[in-house]
PDB file of N, CA and C in Angstrom:
ATOM      1  N   MET A   1      27.206 -17.452  -2.607  1.00  0.00           N
ATOM      2  CA  MET A   1      27.676 -16.329  -3.392  1.00  0.00           C
ATOM      3  C   MET A   1      28.337 -15.336  -2.445  1.00  0.00           C
ATOM      4  N   ASN A   2      29.413 -14.772  -2.901  1.00  0.00           N
ATOM      5  CA  ASN A   2      30.140 -13.791  -2.123  1.00  0.00           C
ATOM      6  C   ASN A   2      29.250 -12.563  -1.885  1.00  0.00           C
ATOM      7  N   PRO A   3      29.200 -12.045  -0.672  1.00  0.00           N
ATOM      8  CA  PRO A   3      28.333 -10.894  -0.397  1.00  0.00           C
ATOM      9  C   PRO A   3      28.649  -9.674  -1.260  1.00  0.00           C
ATOM     10  N   GLU A   4      29.928  -9.459  -1.552  1.00  0.00           N
ATOM     11  CA  GLU A   4      30.297  -8.318  -2.382  1.00  0.00           C
ATOM     12  C   GLU A   4      29.766  -8.485  -3.805  1.00  0.00           C
ATOM     13  N   THR A   5      29.808  -9.710  -4.318  1.00  0.00           N
ATOM     14  CA  THR A   5      29.282  -9.984  -5.653  1.00  0.00           C
ATOM     15  C   THR A   5      27.774  -9.758  -5.666  1.00  0.00           C
ATOM     16  N   HIS A   6      27.106 -10.261  -4.642  1.00  0.00           N
ATOM     17  CA  HIS A   6      25.655 -10.090  -4.542  1.00  0.00           C
ATOM     18  C   HIS A   6      25.293  -8.609  -4.495  1.00  0.00           C
ATOM     19  N   LEU A   7      26.044  -7.849  -3.717  1.00  0.00           N
ATOM     20  CA  LEU A   7      25.781  -6.420  -3.588  1.00  0.00           C
ATOM     21  C   LEU A   7      26.011  -5.689  -4.906  1.00  0.00           C
ATOM     22  N   SER A   8      27.065  -6.046  -5.631  1.00  0.00           N
ATOM     23  CA  SER A   8      27.321  -5.374  -6.907  1.00  0.00           C
ATOM     24  C   SER A   8      26.243  -5.721  -7.939  1.00  0.00           C
ATOM     25  N   LEU A   9      25.767  -6.971  -7.944  1.00  0.00           N
ATOM     26  CA  LEU A   9      24.669  -7.351  -8.832  1.00  0.00           C
ATOM     27  C   LEU A   9      23.396  -6.584  -8.476  1.00  0.00           C
ATOM     28  N   HIS A  10      23.146  -6.447  -7.191  1.00  0.00           N
ATOM     29  CA  HIS A  10      21.977  -5.704  -6.737  1.00  0.00           C
ATOM     30  C   HIS A  10      22.058  -4.241  -7.173  1.00  0.00           C
ATOM     31  N   ARG A  11      23.229  -3.649  -7.034  1.00  0.00           N
ATOM     32  CA  ARG A  11      23.405  -2.251  -7.444  1.00  0.00           C
ATOM     33  C   ARG A  11      23.220  -2.085  -8.946  1.00  0.00           C
ATOM     34  N   ALA A  12      23.734  -3.032  -9.733  1.00  0.00           N
ATOM     35  CA  ALA A  12      23.588  -2.951 -11.187  1.00  0.00           C
ATOM     36  C   ALA A  12      22.118  -3.057 -11.581  1.00  0.00           C
ATOM     37  N   ARG A  13      21.398  -3.992 -10.969  1.00  0.00           N
ATOM     38  CA  ARG A  13      19.976  -4.148 -11.282  1.00  0.00           C
ATOM     39  C   ARG A  13      19.185  -2.928 -10.826  1.00  0.00           C
ATOM     40  N   SER A  14      19.544  -2.378  -9.690  1.00  0.00           N
ATOM     41  CA  SER A  14      18.877  -1.188  -9.184  1.00  0.00           C
ATOM     42  C   SER A  14      19.061  -0.019 -10.144  1.00  0.00           C
ATOM     43  N   THR A  15      20.260   0.125 -10.683  1.00  0.00           N
ATOM     44  CA  THR A  15      20.524   1.185 -11.652  1.00  0.00           C
ATOM     45  C   THR A  15      19.686   0.988 -12.908  1.00  0.00           C
ATOM     46  N   GLU A  16      19.593  -0.258 -13.395  1.00  0.00           N
ATOM     47  CA  GLU A  16      18.773  -0.549 -14.569  1.00  0.00           C
ATOM     48  C   GLU A  16      17.308  -0.197 -14.327  1.00  0.00           C
ATOM     49  N   LEU A  17      16.796  -0.554 -13.165  1.00  0.00           N
ATOM     50  CA  LEU A  17      15.397  -0.271 -12.848  1.00  0.00           C
ATOM     51  C   LEU A  17      15.140   1.224 -12.756  1.00  0.00           C
ATOM     52  N   ARG A  18      16.073   1.953 -12.184  1.00  0.00           N
ATOM     53  CA  ARG A  18      15.908   3.409 -12.105  1.00  0.00           C
ATOM     54  C   ARG A  18      15.895   4.028 -13.491  1.00  0.00           C
ATOM     55  N   GLU A  19      16.777   3.549 -14.387  1.00  0.00           N
ATOM     56  CA  GLU A  19      16.801   4.062 -15.753  1.00  0.00           C
ATOM     57  C   GLU A  19      15.486   3.762 -16.472  1.00  0.00           C
ATOM     58  N   GLN A  20      14.949   2.566 -16.279  1.00  0.00           N
ATOM     59  CA  GLN A  20      13.662   2.229 -16.886  1.00  0.00           C
ATOM     60  C   GLN A  20      12.550   3.112 -16.338  1.00  0.00           C
ATOM     61  N   ALA A  21      12.589   3.395 -15.047  1.00  0.00           N
ATOM     62  CA  ALA A  21      11.565   4.246 -14.446  1.00  0.00           C
ATOM     63  C   ALA A  21      11.618   5.654 -15.021  1.00  0.00           C
ATOM     64  N   VAL A  22      12.824   6.173 -15.229  1.00  0.00           N
ATOM     65  CA  VAL A  22      12.964   7.505 -15.814  1.00  0.00           C
ATOM     66  C   VAL A  22      12.428   7.506 -17.240  1.00  0.00           C
ATOM     67  N   LYS A  23      12.754   6.473 -18.027  1.00  0.00           N
ATOM     68  CA  LYS A  23      12.252   6.385 -19.397  1.00  0.00           C
ATOM     69  C   LYS A  23      10.732   6.307 -19.414  1.00  0.00           C
ATOM     70  N   PHE A  24      10.178   5.525 -18.498  1.00  0.00           N
ATOM     71  CA  PHE A  24       8.731   5.377 -18.432  1.00  0.00           C
ATOM     72  C   PHE A  24       8.066   6.696 -18.084  1.00  0.00           C
ATOM     73  N   ARG A  25       8.611   7.399 -17.089  1.00  0.00           N
ATOM     74  CA  ARG A  25       8.036   8.679 -16.685  1.00  0.00           C
ATOM     75  C   ARG A  25       8.100   9.703 -17.813  1.00  0.00           C
ATOM     76  N   THR A  26       9.236   9.778 -18.486  1.00  0.00           N
ATOM     77  CA  THR A  26       9.368  10.762 -19.562  1.00  0.00           C
ATOM     78  C   THR A  26       8.438  10.425 -20.723  1.00  0.00           C
ATOM     79  N   ALA A  27       8.239   9.135 -21.001  1.00  0.00           N
ATOM     80  CA  ALA A  27       7.324   8.750 -22.068  1.00  0.00           C
ATOM     81  C   ALA A  27       5.886   9.104 -21.705  1.00  0.00           C
ATOM     82  N   ARG A  28       5.513   8.907 -20.443  1.00  0.00           N
ATOM     83  CA  ARG A  28       4.151   9.252 -20.020  1.00  0.00           C
ATOM     84  C   ARG A  28       3.946  10.754 -20.025  1.00  0.00           C
ATOM     85  N   GLU A  29       4.959  11.502 -19.579  1.00  0.00           N
ATOM     86  CA  GLU A  29       4.841  12.955 -19.559  1.00  0.00           C
ATOM     87  C   GLU A  29       4.799  13.528 -20.969  1.00  0.00           C
ATOM     88  N   ALA A  30       5.490  12.866 -21.897  1.00  0.00           N
ATOM     89  CA  ALA A  30       5.513  13.342 -23.280  1.00  0.00           C
ATOM     90  C   ALA A  30       4.217  13.016 -23.996  1.00  0.00           C
ATOM     91  N   GLY A  31       3.341  12.262 -23.340  1.00  0.00           N
ATOM     92  CA  GLY A  31       2.059  11.938 -23.948  1.00  0.00           C
ATOM     93  C   GLY A  31       2.152  10.792 -24.926  1.00  0.00           C
ATOM     94  N   ALA A  32       2.817   9.729 -24.516  1.00  0.00           N
ATOM     95  CA  ALA A  32       2.900   8.547 -25.374  1.00  0.00           C
ATOM     96  C   ALA A  32       1.493   8.084 -25.705  1.00  0.00           C
ATOM     97  N   THR A  33       1.299   7.523 -26.854  1.00  0.00           N
ATOM     98  CA  THR A  33      -0.032   7.181 -27.354  1.00  0.00           C
ATOM     99  C   THR A  33      -0.577   5.909 -26.724  1.00  0.00           C
ATOM    100  N   GLY A  34      -0.317   5.723 -25.459  1.00  0.00           N
ATOM    101  CA  GLY A  34      -0.861   4.561 -24.772  1.00  0.00           C
ATOM    102  C   GLY A  34      -0.097   3.276 -25.024  1.00  0.00           C
ATOM    103  N   SER A  35       0.904   3.320 -25.839  1.00  0.00           N
ATOM    104  CA  SER A  35       1.664   2.117 -26.153  1.00  0.00           C
ATOM    105  C   SER A  35       2.912   2.061 -25.284  1.00  0.00           C
ATOM    106  N   LEU A  36       3.078   0.971 -24.579  1.00  0.00           N
ATOM    107  CA  LEU A  36       4.260   0.811 -23.750  1.00  0.00           C
ATOM    108  C   LEU A  36       5.453   0.327 -24.563  1.00  0.00           C
ATOM    109  N   ARG A  37       5.255  -0.009 -25.821  1.00  0.00           N
ATOM    110  CA  ARG A  37       6.372  -0.471 -26.646  1.00  0.00           C
ATOM    111  C   ARG A  37       7.407   0.629 -26.860  1.00  0.00           C
ATOM    112  N   THR A  38       7.032   1.888 -26.747  1.00  0.00           N
ATOM    113  CA  THR A  38       8.005   2.963 -26.876  1.00  0.00           C
ATOM    114  C   THR A  38       8.940   2.976 -25.676  1.00  0.00           C
ATOM    115  N   VAL A  39       8.474   2.470 -24.558  1.00  0.00           N
ATOM    116  CA  VAL A  39       9.280   2.450 -23.345  1.00  0.00           C
ATOM    117  C   VAL A  39      10.061   1.159 -23.242  1.00  0.00           C
ATOM    118  N   HIS A  40       9.432   0.034 -23.542  1.00  0.00           N
ATOM    119  CA  HIS A  40      10.073  -1.265 -23.405  1.00  0.00           C
ATOM    120  C   HIS A  40      10.730  -1.662 -24.711  1.00  0.00           C
ATOM    121  N   SER A  41      11.836  -2.357 -24.604  1.00  0.00           N
ATOM    122  CA  SER A  41      12.605  -2.671 -25.792  1.00  0.00           C
ATOM    123  C   SER A  41      12.109  -3.909 -26.522  1.00  0.00           C
ATOM    124  N   SER A  42      11.453  -4.817 -25.848  1.00  0.00           N
ATOM    125  CA  SER A  42      11.039  -6.043 -26.522  1.00  0.00           C
ATOM    126  C   SER A  42       9.629  -6.432 -26.087  1.00  0.00           C
ATOM    127  N   PRO A  43       8.925  -7.193 -26.942  1.00  0.00           N
ATOM    128  CA  PRO A  43       7.578  -7.623 -26.572  1.00  0.00           C
ATOM    129  C   PRO A  43       7.587  -8.574 -25.378  1.00  0.00           C
ATOM    130  N   ARG A  44       8.716  -9.238 -25.136  1.00  0.00           N
ATOM    131  CA  ARG A  44       8.791 -10.167 -24.015  1.00  0.00           C
ATOM    132  C   ARG A  44       8.621  -9.422 -22.688  1.00  0.00           C
ATOM    133  N   THR A  45       9.236  -8.259 -22.557  1.00  0.00           N
ATOM    134  CA  THR A  45       9.091  -7.507 -21.311  1.00  0.00           C
ATOM    135  C   THR A  45       7.663  -7.020 -21.147  1.00  0.00           C
ATOM    136  N   LEU A  46       7.003  -6.707 -22.257  1.00  0.00           N
ATOM    137  CA  LEU A  46       5.600  -6.304 -22.186  1.00  0.00           C
ATOM    138  C   LEU A  46       4.739  -7.471 -21.707  1.00  0.00           C
ATOM    139  N   ARG A  47       5.011  -8.670 -22.229  1.00  0.00           N
ATOM    140  CA  ARG A  47       4.264  -9.852 -21.783  1.00  0.00           C
ATOM    141  C   ARG A  47       4.533 -10.140 -20.314  1.00  0.00           C
ATOM    142  N   THR A  48       5.776  -9.958 -19.895  1.00  0.00           N
ATOM    143  CA  THR A  48       6.121 -10.188 -18.492  1.00  0.00           C
ATOM    144  C   THR A  48       5.370  -9.214 -17.594  1.00  0.00           C
ATOM    145  N   GLN A  49       5.352  -7.957 -17.992  1.00  0.00           N
ATOM    146  CA  GLN A  49       4.648  -6.956 -17.187  1.00  0.00           C
ATOM    147  C   GLN A  49       3.156  -7.259 -17.139  1.00  0.00           C
ATOM    148  N   LEU A  50       2.590  -7.647 -18.266  1.00  0.00           N
ATOM    149  CA  LEU A  50       1.174  -8.002 -18.303  1.00  0.00           C
ATOM    150  C   LEU A  50       0.904  -9.212 -17.411  1.00  0.00           C
ATOM    151  N   GLY A  51       1.786 -10.201 -17.469  1.00  0.00           N
ATOM    152  CA  GLY A  51       1.627 -11.394 -16.636  1.00  0.00           C
ATOM    153  C   GLY A  51       1.635 -11.068 -15.161  1.00  0.00           C
ATOM    154  N   TRP A  52       2.589 -10.246 -14.726  1.00  0.00           N
ATOM    155  CA  TRP A  52       2.651  -9.892 -13.309  1.00  0.00           C
ATOM    156  C   TRP A  52       1.462  -9.036 -12.897  1.00  0.00           C
ATOM    157  N   THR A  53       0.966  -8.222 -13.807  1.00  0.00           N
ATOM    158  CA  THR A  53      -0.229  -7.441 -13.508  1.00  0.00           C
ATOM    159  C   THR A  53      -1.421  -8.365 -13.285  1.00  0.00           C
ATOM    160  N   LEU A  54      -1.530  -9.406 -14.118  1.00  0.00           N
ATOM    161  CA  LEU A  54      -2.620 -10.370 -13.947  1.00  0.00           C
ATOM    162  C   LEU A  54      -2.470 -11.157 -12.643  1.00  0.00           C
ATOM    163  N   VAL A  55      -1.241 -11.484 -12.273  1.00  0.00           N
ATOM    164  CA  VAL A  55      -1.016 -12.176 -11.002  1.00  0.00           C
ATOM    165  C   VAL A  55      -1.438 -11.285  -9.843  1.00  0.00           C
ATOM    166  N   GLU A  56      -1.044 -10.017  -9.900  1.00  0.00           N
ATOM    167  CA  GLU A  56      -1.427  -9.090  -8.830  1.00  0.00           C
ATOM    168  C   GLU A  56      -2.941  -8.945  -8.747  1.00  0.00           C
ATOM    169  N   LEU A  57      -3.587  -8.848  -9.891  1.00  0.00           N
ATOM    170  CA  LEU A  57      -5.044  -8.749  -9.914  1.00  0.00           C
ATOM    171  C   LEU A  57      -5.681 -10.008  -9.328  1.00  0.00           C
ATOM    172  N   GLY A  58      -5.153 -11.172  -9.684  1.00  0.00           N
ATOM    173  CA  GLY A  58      -5.677 -12.423  -9.153  1.00  0.00           C
ATOM    174  C   GLY A  58      -5.524 -12.510  -7.643  1.00  0.00           C
ATOM    175  N   LEU A  59      -4.403 -12.023  -7.127  1.00  0.00           N
ATOM    176  CA  LEU A  59      -4.201 -12.048  -5.680  1.00  0.00           C
ATOM    177  C   LEU A  59      -5.155 -11.105  -4.964  1.00  0.00           C
ATOM    178  N   ARG A  60      -5.518 -10.021  -5.614  1.00  0.00           N
ATOM    179  CA  ARG A  60      -6.484  -9.109  -4.999  1.00  0.00           C
ATOM    180  C   ARG A  60      -7.894  -9.692  -5.012  1.00  0.00           C
ATOM    181  N   VAL A  61      -8.198 -10.502  -6.016  1.00  0.00           N
ATOM    182  CA  VAL A  61      -9.535 -11.076  -6.145  1.00  0.00           C
ATOM    183  C   VAL A  61      -9.735 -12.235  -5.172  1.00  0.00           C
ATOM    184  N   LEU A  62      -8.652 -12.956  -4.857  1.00  0.00           N
ATOM    185  CA  LEU A  62      -8.753 -14.109  -3.960  1.00  0.00           C
ATOM    186  C   LEU A  62      -9.258 -13.686  -2.585  1.00  0.00           C
ATOM    187  N   PRO A  63      -9.913 -14.604  -1.898  1.00  0.00           N
ATOM    188  CA  PRO A  63     -10.324 -14.296  -0.520  1.00  0.00           C
ATOM    189  C   PRO A  63      -9.090 -14.157   0.371  1.00  0.00           C
ATOM    190  N   GLY A  64      -9.316 -13.766   1.615  1.00  0.00           N
ATOM    191  CA  GLY A  64      -8.222 -13.557   2.562  1.00  0.00           C
ATOM    192  C   GLY A  64      -7.330 -14.773   2.717  1.00  0.00           C
ATOM    193  N   ARG A  65      -6.134 -14.554   3.171  1.00  0.00           N
ATOM    194  CA  ARG A  65      -5.155 -15.632   3.318  1.00  0.00           C
ATOM    195  C   ARG A  65      -5.579 -16.654   4.370  1.00  0.00           C
ATOM    196  N   GLU A  66      -6.384 -16.246   5.326  1.00  0.00           N
ATOM    197  CA  GLU A  66      -6.792 -17.161   6.384  1.00  0.00           C
ATOM    198  C   GLU A  66      -7.543 -18.352   5.797  1.00  0.00           C
ATOM    199  N   SER A  67      -8.394 -18.089   4.808  1.00  0.00           N
ATOM    200  CA  SER A  67      -9.176 -19.178   4.234  1.00  0.00           C
ATOM    201  C   SER A  67      -8.312 -20.082   3.360  1.00  0.00           C
ATOM    202  N   LEU A  68      -7.217 -19.562   2.821  1.00  0.00           N
ATOM    203  CA  LEU A  68      -6.326 -20.385   2.001  1.00  0.00           C
ATOM    204  C   LEU A  68      -5.419 -21.252   2.866  1.00  0.00           C
ATOM    205  N   ALA A  69      -5.117 -20.806   4.074  1.00  0.00           N
ATOM    206  CA  ALA A  69      -4.178 -21.527   4.924  1.00  0.00           C
ATOM    207  C   ALA A  69      -4.716 -22.895   5.313  1.00  0.00           C
ATOM    208  N   CYS A  70      -6.009 -23.039   5.497  1.00  0.00           N
ATOM    209  CA  CYS A  70      -6.555 -24.314   5.921  1.00  0.00           C
ATOM    210  C   CYS A  70      -6.601 -25.318   4.771  1.00  0.00           C
ATOM    211  N   HIS A  71      -6.471 -24.859   3.521  1.00  0.00           N
ATOM    212  CA  HIS A  71      -6.542 -25.752   2.390  1.00  0.00           C
ATOM    213  C   HIS A  71      -5.189 -26.091   1.786  1.00  0.00           C
ATOM    214  N   SER A  72      -4.123 -25.479   2.308  1.00  0.00           N
ATOM    215  CA  SER A  72      -2.798 -25.738   1.742  1.00  0.00           C
ATOM    216  C   SER A  72      -2.264 -27.072   2.277  1.00  0.00           C
ATOM    217  N   PRO A  73      -1.559 -27.835   1.426  1.00  0.00           N
ATOM    218  CA  PRO A  73      -1.028 -29.115   1.881  1.00  0.00           C
ATOM    219  C   PRO A  73       0.115 -28.936   2.869  1.00  0.00           C
ATOM    220  N   ARG A  74       0.268 -29.875   3.755  1.00  0.00           N
ATOM    221  CA  ARG A  74       1.345 -29.821   4.729  1.00  0.00           C
ATOM    222  C   ARG A  74       2.588 -30.432   4.108  1.00  0.00           C
ATOM    223  N   THR A  75       3.727 -29.821   4.344  1.00  0.00           N
ATOM    224  CA  THR A  75       4.985 -30.305   3.784  1.00  0.00           C
ATOM    225  C   THR A  75       5.807 -31.060   4.807  1.00  0.00           C
ATOM    226  N   VAL A  76       5.410 -31.024   6.050  1.00  0.00           N
ATOM    227  CA  VAL A  76       6.194 -31.677   7.097  1.00  0.00           C
ATOM    228  C   VAL A  76       5.509 -32.947   7.556  1.00  0.00           C
TER     229      VAL A  76
END
């Protein structure tokens, strides 16, 4: 991919994320009733956010990486 194309895609996504962050902050400050659906446009994004939250929680619950390294299969 052309570096300029990659950079423009990155800038567009960055702008989208900043806009979502502003919407989220204003909804929280306005005292949204605990529902993230007012901030997110579709239930799919809510499921995605919930999924990544569960992944992050699972990674925190797992033991240290040192113990996982000895059990991972070798690819070479």
